[in-house]
Amino acid sequence: MKNRRDFIKNAAVVSTAFMIVPRHVLGGKGFVAPSDKLQVASIGVGGRGSANVNKIGAHAKVDMAFYAMWMTNGPLPV
């Protein structure tokens, strides 16, 4: 590089090219970006609702963020 301007120009070109690359190329096949995931919180759903929440949580694009349940007869199987 001859001078500072060439360095800045080359750095800008390289950084722009890095941003244009699709996310699946950088993350690999089957990678799910955090912005493509849904975070779910479940509070006191009980009974059938618990089964629904467990089924939702099994999905690859869902993160179970919080799960709170008040049980009087022991813990709920997860």
C-alpha atoms as a PDB file:
ATOM      1  CA  MET A   1       0.000   0.000   0.000  1.00  0.00           C
ATOM      2  CA  LYS A   2       1.244   3.388  -0.934  1.00  0.00           C
ATOM      3  CA  ASN A   3      -0.516   5.578   1.552  1.00  0.00           C
ATOM      4  CA  ARG A   4      -3.261   5.881   4.101  1.00  0.00           C
ATOM      5  CA  ARG A   5      -5.957   6.536   1.474  1.00  0.00           C
ATOM      6  CA  ASP A   6      -5.249   3.221  -0.244  1.00  0.00           C
ATOM      7  CA  PHE A   7      -5.428   1.447   3.089  1.00  0.00           C
ATOM      8  CA  ILE A   8      -8.798   3.045   3.935  1.00  0.00           C
ATOM      9  CA  LYS A   9     -10.167   2.232   0.476  1.00  0.00           C
ATOM     10  CA  ASN A  10      -9.054  -1.409   0.682  1.00  0.00           C
ATOM     11  CA  ALA A  11     -10.438  -1.760   4.210  1.00  0.00           C
ATOM     12  CA  ALA A  12     -13.806  -0.365   3.099  1.00  0.00           C
ATOM     13  CA  VAL A  13     -14.005  -2.762   0.144  1.00  0.00           C
ATOM     14  CA  VAL A  14     -13.149  -5.791   2.277  1.00  0.00           C
ATOM     15  CA  SER A  15     -15.589  -4.891   5.057  1.00  0.00           C
ATOM     16  CA  THR A  16     -18.401  -4.224   2.571  1.00  0.00           C
ATOM     17  CA  ALA A  17     -17.798  -7.557   0.839  1.00  0.00           C
ATOM     18  CA  PHE A  18     -17.945  -9.302   4.226  1.00  0.00           C
ATOM     19  CA  MET A  19     -21.352  -7.748   4.948  1.00  0.00           C
ATOM     20  CA  ILE A  20     -22.826  -8.808   1.597  1.00  0.00           C
ATOM     21  CA  VAL A  21     -22.141 -12.524   2.176  1.00  0.00           C
ATOM     22  CA  PRO A  22     -25.372 -14.310   3.233  1.00  0.00           C
ATOM     23  CA  ARG A  23     -25.541 -15.440   6.861  1.00  0.00           C
ATOM     24  CA  HIS A  24     -25.983 -19.138   6.001  1.00  0.00           C
ATOM     25  CA  VAL A  25     -22.597 -19.059   4.246  1.00  0.00           C
ATOM     26  CA  LEU A  26     -20.855 -17.827   7.389  1.00  0.00           C
ATOM     27  CA  GLY A  27     -22.817 -19.964   9.838  1.00  0.00           C
ATOM     28  CA  GLY A  28     -22.855 -23.197   7.871  1.00  0.00           C
ATOM     29  CA  LYS A  29     -25.654 -25.421   6.671  1.00  0.00           C
ATOM     30  CA  GLY A  30     -28.571 -25.682   9.069  1.00  0.00           C
ATOM     31  CA  PHE A  31     -27.445 -22.662  11.127  1.00  0.00           C
ATOM     32  CA  VAL A  32     -30.299 -20.592  12.527  1.00  0.00           C
ATOM     33  CA  ALA A  33     -29.358 -17.001  13.285  1.00  0.00           C
ATOM     34  CA  PRO A  34     -30.479 -15.634  16.670  1.00  0.00           C
ATOM     35  CA  SER A  35     -32.613 -13.043  14.885  1.00  0.00           C
ATOM     36  CA  ASP A  36     -34.538 -15.883  13.200  1.00  0.00           C
ATOM     37  CA  LYS A  37     -35.478 -17.537  16.500  1.00  0.00           C
ATOM     38  CA  LEU A  38     -38.559 -16.949  18.607  1.00  0.00           C
ATOM     39  CA  GLN A  39     -38.122 -16.728  22.371  1.00  0.00           C
ATOM     40  CA  VAL A  40     -41.097 -18.059  24.318  1.00  0.00           C
ATOM     41  CA  ALA A  41     -41.951 -17.528  27.972  1.00  0.00           C
ATOM     42  CA  SER A  42     -44.552 -19.704  29.669  1.00  0.00           C
ATOM     43  CA  ILE A  43     -46.093 -18.781  33.007  1.00  0.00           C
ATOM     44  CA  GLY A  44     -48.757 -20.934  34.643  1.00  0.00           C
ATOM     45  CA  VAL A  45     -50.217 -22.652  31.587  1.00  0.00           C
ATOM     46  CA  GLY A  46     -50.953 -26.005  33.314  1.00  0.00           C
ATOM     47  CA  GLY A  47     -52.504 -29.187  31.903  1.00  0.00           C
ATOM     48  CA  ARG A  48     -52.991 -29.116  28.156  1.00  0.00           C
ATOM     49  CA  GLY A  49     -51.107 -25.820  27.918  1.00  0.00           C
ATOM     50  CA  SER A  50     -47.953 -27.541  29.175  1.00  0.00           C
ATOM     51  CA  ALA A  51     -48.166 -30.085  26.367  1.00  0.00           C
ATOM     52  CA  ASN A  52     -48.570 -27.267  23.848  1.00  0.00           C
ATOM     53  CA  VAL A  53     -45.602 -25.361  25.262  1.00  0.00           C
ATOM     54  CA  ASN A  54     -43.416 -28.494  25.160  1.00  0.00           C
ATOM     55  CA  LYS A  55     -44.379 -29.081  21.532  1.00  0.00           C
ATOM     56  CA  ILE A  56     -43.572 -25.471  20.634  1.00  0.00           C
ATOM     57  CA  GLY A  57     -40.230 -25.725  22.460  1.00  0.00           C
ATOM     58  CA  ALA A  58     -39.241 -28.755  20.378  1.00  0.00           C
ATOM     59  CA  HIS A  59     -39.167 -26.619  17.221  1.00  0.00           C
ATOM     60  CA  ALA A  60     -35.653 -25.763  15.967  1.00  0.00           C
ATOM     61  CA  LYS A  61     -36.384 -22.041  15.653  1.00  0.00           C
ATOM     62  CA  VAL A  62     -37.809 -21.633  19.171  1.00  0.00           C
ATOM     63  CA  ASP A  63     -35.909 -20.980  22.393  1.00  0.00           C
ATOM     64  CA  MET A  64     -37.783 -21.539  25.624  1.00  0.00           C
ATOM     65  CA  ALA A  65     -36.626 -18.471  27.532  1.00  0.00           C
ATOM     66  CA  PHE A  66     -38.649 -18.881  30.732  1.00  0.00           C
ATOM     67  CA  TYR A  67     -40.908 -21.569  32.127  1.00  0.00           C
ATOM     68  CA  ALA A  68     -42.701 -21.003  35.432  1.00  0.00           C
ATOM     69  CA  MET A  69     -45.400 -23.250  36.866  1.00  0.00           C
ATOM     70  CA  TRP A  70     -46.924 -23.529  40.321  1.00  0.00           C
ATOM     71  CA  MET A  71     -47.682 -27.163  41.117  1.00  0.00           C
ATOM     72  CA  THR A  72     -49.298 -28.344  44.334  1.00  0.00           C
ATOM     73  CA  ASN A  73     -48.874 -32.041  43.610  1.00  0.00           C
ATOM     74  CA  GLY A  74     -45.231 -32.252  42.477  1.00  0.00           C
ATOM     75  CA  PRO A  75     -43.230 -31.142  39.454  1.00  0.00           C
ATOM     76  CA  LEU A  76     -44.531 -31.432  35.920  1.00  0.00           C
ATOM     77  CA  PRO A  77     -42.586 -33.834  33.650  1.00  0.00           C
ATOM     78  CA  VAL A  78     -40.684 -31.938  30.995  1.00  0.00           C
END
